[in-house]
PDB file of N, CA and C in Angstrom:
ATOM      1  N   MET A   1      10.217  10.697  -2.341  1.00  0.00           N
ATOM      2  CA  MET A   1       9.803   9.549  -2.442  1.00  0.00           C
ATOM      3  C   MET A   1      10.197   9.402  -4.196  1.00  0.00           C
ATOM      4  N   PRO A   2      11.189   7.910  -4.657  1.00  0.00           N
ATOM      5  CA  PRO A   2      11.073   7.953  -5.843  1.00  0.00           C
ATOM      6  C   PRO A   2       9.815   7.352  -6.082  1.00  0.00           C
ATOM      7  N   LEU A   3       9.888   7.628  -8.478  1.00  0.00           N
ATOM      8  CA  LEU A   3       9.157   7.680  -8.683  1.00  0.00           C
ATOM      9  C   LEU A   3       8.671   6.296  -8.891  1.00  0.00           C
ATOM     10  N   HIS A   4       9.363   4.949  -8.367  1.00  0.00           N
ATOM     11  CA  HIS A   4       8.809   4.221  -8.651  1.00  0.00           C
ATOM     12  C   HIS A   4       9.809   3.074  -6.837  1.00  0.00           C
ATOM     13  N   LEU A   5       8.744   2.359  -6.489  1.00  0.00           N
ATOM     14  CA  LEU A   5       9.614   2.319  -5.226  1.00  0.00           C
ATOM     15  C   LEU A   5       9.594   1.191  -5.614  1.00  0.00           C
ATOM     16  N   THR A   6      11.098   0.982  -4.470  1.00  0.00           N
ATOM     17  CA  THR A   6      11.426  -0.201  -4.218  1.00  0.00           C
ATOM     18  C   THR A   6      11.732  -1.020  -3.291  1.00  0.00           C
ATOM     19  N   VAL A   7      12.512  -1.999  -3.029  1.00  0.00           N
ATOM     20  CA  VAL A   7      12.031  -2.824  -2.105  1.00  0.00           C
ATOM     21  C   VAL A   7      12.813  -1.758  -0.980  1.00  0.00           C
ATOM     22  N   GLY A   8      13.652  -2.055  -1.365  1.00  0.00           N
ATOM     23  CA  GLY A   8      14.822  -1.357   0.258  1.00  0.00           C
ATOM     24  C   GLY A   8      14.122   0.507   0.668  1.00  0.00           C
ATOM     25  N   HIS A   9      13.483   1.334  -0.286  1.00  0.00           N
ATOM     26  CA  HIS A   9      12.820   1.880   0.423  1.00  0.00           C
ATOM     27  C   HIS A   9      11.440   2.101   1.135  1.00  0.00           C
ATOM     28  N   LEU A  10      10.767   0.619   0.367  1.00  0.00           N
ATOM     29  CA  LEU A  10       9.830   0.770   0.891  1.00  0.00           C
ATOM     30  C   LEU A  10       9.881  -0.435   2.774  1.00  0.00           C
ATOM     31  N   LEU A  11      11.497  -0.647   2.475  1.00  0.00           N
ATOM     32  CA  LEU A  11      11.820  -1.515   4.053  1.00  0.00           C
ATOM     33  C   LEU A  11      12.049  -0.048   4.864  1.00  0.00           C
ATOM     34  N   ARG A  12      12.471   0.547   4.721  1.00  0.00           N
ATOM     35  CA  ARG A  12      12.576   2.037   5.582  1.00  0.00           C
ATOM     36  C   ARG A  12      11.674   2.722   6.097  1.00  0.00           C
ATOM     37  N   GLN A  13      11.064   2.637   5.261  1.00  0.00           N
ATOM     38  CA  GLN A  13       9.488   2.710   5.561  1.00  0.00           C
ATOM     39  C   GLN A  13       9.051   2.260   6.544  1.00  0.00           C
ATOM     40  N   LEU A  14       8.747   1.026   6.439  1.00  0.00           N
ATOM     41  CA  LEU A  14       8.171   0.183   7.030  1.00  0.00           C
ATOM     42  C   LEU A  14       8.909  -0.253   8.863  1.00  0.00           C
ATOM     43  N   GLN A  15      10.518  -0.045   8.573  1.00  0.00           N
ATOM     44  CA  GLN A  15      11.288  -0.858   9.382  1.00  0.00           C
ATOM     45  C   GLN A  15      10.942  -0.593  11.381  1.00  0.00           C
ATOM     46  N   ASP A  16      10.240   0.993  11.253  1.00  0.00           N
ATOM     47  CA  ASP A  16      10.341   1.778  12.823  1.00  0.00           C
ATOM     48  C   ASP A  16       8.577   1.630  12.952  1.00  0.00           C
ATOM     49  N   LEU A  17       7.888   0.476  12.668  1.00  0.00           N
ATOM     50  CA  LEU A  17       6.202   0.130  12.518  1.00  0.00           C
ATOM     51  C   LEU A  17       6.834  -0.615  13.482  1.00  0.00           C
ATOM     52  N   ASP A  18       4.618  -1.061  13.883  1.00  0.00           N
ATOM     53  CA  ASP A  18       4.833  -2.457  14.977  1.00  0.00           C
ATOM     54  C   ASP A  18       4.845  -3.414  13.761  1.00  0.00           C
ATOM     55  N   PRO A  19       5.284  -4.522  13.813  1.00  0.00           N
ATOM     56  CA  PRO A  19       4.782  -5.344  13.008  1.00  0.00           C
ATOM     57  C   PRO A  19       4.026  -6.241  13.349  1.00  0.00           C
ATOM     58  N   SER A  20       2.905  -5.611  14.099  1.00  0.00           N
ATOM     59  CA  SER A  20       1.282  -6.424  13.754  1.00  0.00           C
ATOM     60  C   SER A  20       0.673  -5.216  13.418  1.00  0.00           C
ATOM     61  N   LEU A  21       1.121  -4.574  12.686  1.00  0.00           N
ATOM     62  CA  LEU A  21       0.321  -3.545  12.023  1.00  0.00           C
ATOM     63  C   LEU A  21      -0.107  -3.893  10.601  1.00  0.00           C
ATOM     64  N   PRO A  22      -1.867  -3.599  10.631  1.00  0.00           N
ATOM     65  CA  PRO A  22      -2.055  -4.424   9.102  1.00  0.00           C
ATOM     66  C   PRO A  22      -1.824  -3.755   8.418  1.00  0.00           C
ATOM     67  N   ILE A  23      -1.997  -3.859   7.218  1.00  0.00           N
ATOM     68  CA  ILE A  23      -1.549  -3.142   5.886  1.00  0.00           C
ATOM     69  C   ILE A  23      -2.999  -2.836   4.983  1.00  0.00           C
ATOM     70  N   ARG A  24      -2.848  -2.263   4.753  1.00  0.00           N
ATOM     71  CA  ARG A  24      -3.862  -1.747   3.357  1.00  0.00           C
ATOM     72  C   ARG A  24      -3.442  -1.067   2.171  1.00  0.00           C
ATOM     73  N   LEU A  25      -4.524  -0.977   1.143  1.00  0.00           N
ATOM     74  CA  LEU A  25      -3.553  -0.287   0.295  1.00  0.00           C
ATOM     75  C   LEU A  25      -4.504   0.935  -0.103  1.00  0.00           C
ATOM     76  N   ALA A  26      -4.299   1.768  -0.366  1.00  0.00           N
ATOM     77  CA  ALA A  26      -5.427   2.988  -0.502  1.00  0.00           C
ATOM     78  C   ALA A  26      -5.942   3.494  -1.676  1.00  0.00           C
ATOM     79  N   ILE A  27      -6.796   2.536  -2.727  1.00  0.00           N
ATOM     80  CA  ILE A  27      -6.872   2.653  -3.747  1.00  0.00           C
ATOM     81  C   ILE A  27      -7.369   3.711  -4.853  1.00  0.00           C
ATOM     82  N   ASN A  28      -6.901   4.546  -5.654  1.00  0.00           N
ATOM     83  CA  ASN A  28      -8.018   5.368  -6.345  1.00  0.00           C
ATOM     84  C   ASN A  28      -8.472   6.425  -6.131  1.00  0.00           C
ATOM     85  N   PRO A  29      -7.982   7.416  -5.753  1.00  0.00           N
ATOM     86  CA  PRO A  29      -8.124   9.012  -5.465  1.00  0.00           C
ATOM     87  C   PRO A  29      -9.357   9.304  -5.875  1.00  0.00           C
ATOM     88  N   ASP A  30      -9.978   9.206  -6.723  1.00  0.00           N
ATOM     89  CA  ASP A  30     -11.862   9.241  -7.221  1.00  0.00           C
ATOM     90  C   ASP A  30     -13.085   8.796  -6.760  1.00  0.00           C
ATOM     91  N   PHE A  31     -12.402   7.493  -6.060  1.00  0.00           N
ATOM     92  CA  PHE A  31     -13.319   6.567  -5.622  1.00  0.00           C
ATOM     93  C   PHE A  31     -12.787   5.825  -4.524  1.00  0.00           C
ATOM     94  N   PRO A  32     -12.268   6.440  -3.489  1.00  0.00           N
ATOM     95  CA  PRO A  32     -11.233   5.621  -2.432  1.00  0.00           C
ATOM     96  C   PRO A  32     -11.783   4.379  -1.097  1.00  0.00           C
ATOM     97  N   PHE A  33     -11.521   3.849  -1.872  1.00  0.00           N
ATOM     98  CA  PHE A  33     -11.200   2.526  -1.267  1.00  0.00           C
ATOM     99  C   PHE A  33      -9.768   1.698  -0.713  1.00  0.00           C
ATOM    100  N   ALA A  34     -10.114   1.338   0.209  1.00  0.00           N
ATOM    101  CA  ALA A  34      -8.933   0.389   1.493  1.00  0.00           C
ATOM    102  C   ALA A  34      -8.630  -1.233   1.044  1.00  0.00           C
ATOM    103  N   HIS A  35      -7.636  -1.543   0.317  1.00  0.00           N
ATOM    104  CA  HIS A  35      -7.798  -2.928   0.127  1.00  0.00           C
ATOM    105  C   HIS A  35      -6.813  -3.594   0.856  1.00  0.00           C
ATOM    106  N   TYR A  36      -7.343  -4.977   1.086  1.00  0.00           N
ATOM    107  CA  TYR A  36      -6.236  -6.102   1.887  1.00  0.00           C
ATOM    108  C   TYR A  36      -4.715  -6.035   1.003  1.00  0.00           C
ATOM    109  N   VAL A  37      -3.727  -6.252   1.141  1.00  0.00           N
ATOM    110  CA  VAL A  37      -2.581  -6.461   0.334  1.00  0.00           C
ATOM    111  C   VAL A  37      -2.206  -8.155   0.523  1.00  0.00           C
ATOM    112  N   GLY A  38      -2.426  -9.304  -0.816  1.00  0.00           N
ATOM    113  CA  GLY A  38      -2.059 -10.124  -1.081  1.00  0.00           C
ATOM    114  C   GLY A  38      -0.738 -10.576  -0.089  1.00  0.00           C
ATOM    115  N   THR A  39      -0.773 -11.781   0.276  1.00  0.00           N
ATOM    116  CA  THR A  39       0.504 -12.108   1.260  1.00  0.00           C
ATOM    117  C   THR A  39       1.479 -12.986   0.389  1.00  0.00           C
ATOM    118  N   GLU A  40       1.185 -13.340  -0.530  1.00  0.00           N
ATOM    119  CA  GLU A  40       2.619 -13.983  -1.314  1.00  0.00           C
ATOM    120  C   GLU A  40       2.833 -12.516  -1.833  1.00  0.00           C
ATOM    121  N   VAL A  41       3.958 -12.869  -2.601  1.00  0.00           N
ATOM    122  CA  VAL A  41       5.042 -11.719  -3.036  1.00  0.00           C
ATOM    123  C   VAL A  41       6.028 -12.698  -4.357  1.00  0.00           C
ATOM    124  N   VAL A  42       6.002 -12.415  -5.051  1.00  0.00           N
ATOM    125  CA  VAL A  42       6.112 -12.870  -6.943  1.00  0.00           C
ATOM    126  C   VAL A  42       7.190 -12.574  -7.108  1.00  0.00           C
ATOM    127  N   VAL A  43       8.546 -12.431  -7.658  1.00  0.00           N
ATOM    128  CA  VAL A  43       9.044 -12.066  -8.528  1.00  0.00           C
ATOM    129  C   VAL A  43       9.262 -12.552  -9.635  1.00  0.00           C
ATOM    130  N   ARG A  44       9.307 -11.950 -11.116  1.00  0.00           N
ATOM    131  CA  ARG A  44       9.554 -11.608 -12.001  1.00  0.00           C
ATOM    132  C   ARG A  44       9.530 -11.129 -12.968  1.00  0.00           C
ATOM    133  N   ASP A  45      10.524 -11.531 -14.227  1.00  0.00           N
ATOM    134  CA  ASP A  45      11.276 -10.370 -14.548  1.00  0.00           C
ATOM    135  C   ASP A  45      11.668  -9.312 -14.052  1.00  0.00           C
ATOM    136  N   GLY A  46      12.309  -9.007 -12.822  1.00  0.00           N
ATOM    137  CA  GLY A  46      13.120  -8.463 -12.387  1.00  0.00           C
ATOM    138  C   GLY A  46      12.188  -7.173 -12.135  1.00  0.00           C
ATOM    139  N   LYS A  47      11.296  -7.893 -11.175  1.00  0.00           N
ATOM    140  CA  LYS A  47      10.464  -6.640  -9.900  1.00  0.00           C
ATOM    141  C   LYS A  47       9.447  -8.522  -9.317  1.00  0.00           C
ATOM    142  N   ALA A  48       9.489  -7.133  -8.364  1.00  0.00           N
ATOM    143  CA  ALA A  48       8.745  -8.034  -7.359  1.00  0.00           C
ATOM    144  C   ALA A  48       7.055  -7.417  -7.428  1.00  0.00           C
ATOM    145  N   PHE A  49       6.087  -8.648  -7.586  1.00  0.00           N
ATOM    146  CA  PHE A  49       4.431  -8.270  -7.830  1.00  0.00           C
ATOM    147  C   PHE A  49       3.890  -8.761  -6.692  1.00  0.00           C
ATOM    148  N   ILE A  50       3.141  -8.008  -4.986  1.00  0.00           N
ATOM    149  CA  ILE A  50       2.595  -8.191  -4.331  1.00  0.00           C
ATOM    150  C   ILE A  50       0.657  -7.696  -4.926  1.00  0.00           C
ATOM    151  N   ALA A  51      -0.131  -9.237  -4.800  1.00  0.00           N
ATOM    152  CA  ALA A  51      -1.274  -8.420  -5.490  1.00  0.00           C
ATOM    153  C   ALA A  51      -2.400  -8.459  -4.027  1.00  0.00           C
ATOM    154  N   GLU A  52      -3.324  -7.469  -4.840  1.00  0.00           N
ATOM    155  CA  GLU A  52      -4.288  -6.541  -4.270  1.00  0.00           C
ATOM    156  C   GLU A  52      -4.899  -7.943  -3.990  1.00  0.00           C
ATOM    157  N   ASP A  53      -5.700  -8.014  -2.452  1.00  0.00           N
ATOM    158  CA  ASP A  53      -6.566  -9.098  -1.693  1.00  0.00           C
ATOM    159  C   ASP A  53      -7.445  -9.491  -1.381  1.00  0.00           C
ATOM    160  N   GLY A  54      -8.703  -8.320  -2.388  1.00  0.00           N
ATOM    161  CA  GLY A  54      -9.888  -7.610  -2.184  1.00  0.00           C
ATOM    162  C   GLY A  54     -10.123  -6.502  -1.249  1.00  0.00           C
ATOM    163  N   GLN A  55     -11.417  -5.998  -1.481  1.00  0.00           N
ATOM    164  CA  GLN A  55     -11.582  -4.403  -0.854  1.00  0.00           C
ATOM    165  C   GLN A  55     -12.520  -4.790   0.370  1.00  0.00           C
ATOM    166  N   GLU A  56     -11.804  -3.797   1.033  1.00  0.00           N
ATOM    167  CA  GLU A  56     -12.493  -3.966   3.498  1.00  0.00           C
ATOM    168  C   GLU A  56     -13.374  -2.932   3.177  1.00  0.00           C
ATOM    169  N   ASP A  57     -12.873  -1.545   2.608  1.00  0.00           N
ATOM    170  CA  ASP A  57     -13.749  -0.790   2.875  1.00  0.00           C
ATOM    171  C   ASP A  57     -13.719   0.696   2.362  1.00  0.00           C
ATOM    172  N   TYR A  58     -14.134   1.702   2.857  1.00  0.00           N
ATOM    173  CA  TYR A  58     -14.228   3.154   1.883  1.00  0.00           C
ATOM    174  C   TYR A  58     -12.900   3.501   2.635  1.00  0.00           C
ATOM    175  N   LEU A  59     -12.016   4.351   2.039  1.00  0.00           N
ATOM    176  CA  LEU A  59     -10.577   5.279   2.360  1.00  0.00           C
ATOM    177  C   LEU A  59     -10.809   5.941   3.482  1.00  0.00           C
ATOM    178  N   PRO A  60     -11.002   6.100   4.734  1.00  0.00           N
ATOM    179  CA  PRO A  60     -10.915   7.058   5.964  1.00  0.00           C
ATOM    180  C   PRO A  60     -10.313   8.455   5.109  1.00  0.00           C
ATOM    181  N   THR A  61     -11.583   9.286   5.778  1.00  0.00           N
ATOM    182  CA  THR A  61     -11.175  10.519   5.097  1.00  0.00           C
ATOM    183  C   THR A  61      -9.747  10.709   5.629  1.00  0.00           C
ATOM    184  N   THR A  62      -9.272  10.837   6.828  1.00  0.00           N
ATOM    185  CA  THR A  62      -8.270  11.312   6.707  1.00  0.00           C
ATOM    186  C   THR A  62      -6.714  10.763   6.306  1.00  0.00           C
ATOM    187  N   VAL A  63      -7.078   9.351   5.813  1.00  0.00           N
ATOM    188  CA  VAL A  63      -6.301   9.369   4.883  1.00  0.00           C
ATOM    189  C   VAL A  63      -5.858   9.778   3.533  1.00  0.00           C
ATOM    190  N   SER A  64      -7.210  10.235   2.786  1.00  0.00           N
ATOM    191  CA  SER A  64      -7.071  10.720   1.408  1.00  0.00           C
ATOM    192  C   SER A  64      -6.758  12.023   1.725  1.00  0.00           C
ATOM    193  N   TYR A  65      -6.875  12.995   3.283  1.00  0.00           N
ATOM    194  CA  TYR A  65      -6.449  14.307   3.582  1.00  0.00           C
ATOM    195  C   TYR A  65      -4.958  14.436   3.068  1.00  0.00           C
ATOM    196  N   ALA A  66      -4.433  12.665   4.063  1.00  0.00           N
ATOM    197  CA  ALA A  66      -2.833  12.982   3.924  1.00  0.00           C
ATOM    198  C   ALA A  66      -2.566  12.519   2.698  1.00  0.00           C
ATOM    199  N   LEU A  67      -3.047  11.963   1.987  1.00  0.00           N
ATOM    200  CA  LEU A  67      -2.161  11.766   0.629  1.00  0.00           C
ATOM    201  C   LEU A  67      -2.437  12.177  -0.510  1.00  0.00           C
ATOM    202  N   VAL A  68      -3.249  14.003  -0.013  1.00  0.00           N
ATOM    203  CA  VAL A  68      -3.947  14.973  -1.359  1.00  0.00           C
ATOM    204  C   VAL A  68      -4.317  14.642  -2.230  1.00  0.00           C
ATOM    205  N   TRP A  69      -5.400  14.077  -1.728  1.00  0.00           N
ATOM    206  CA  TRP A  69      -6.379  12.896  -2.784  1.00  0.00           C
ATOM    207  C   TRP A  69      -7.524  14.068  -2.559  1.00  0.00           C
ATOM    208  N   ALA A  70      -7.839  14.150  -1.417  1.00  0.00           N
ATOM    209  CA  ALA A  70      -9.171  14.980  -1.172  1.00  0.00           C
ATOM    210  C   ALA A  70      -9.047  17.085  -0.694  1.00  0.00           C
TER     211      ALA A  70
END
């Protein structure tokens, strides 16, 4: 995986997933929570920005293990 995620790399990872599958951000391995992903994409200074849109709940333990956070 590249050090800095690109639009192309993200698209390749998502292309075979069910388009109706919700997406969450896994935040902070020391205090893991799942956060909603904002719906707007803003492009500035040669980068695409997607805002976090609030906290959903604790990150499932299985996800922490898959991310090698636990």
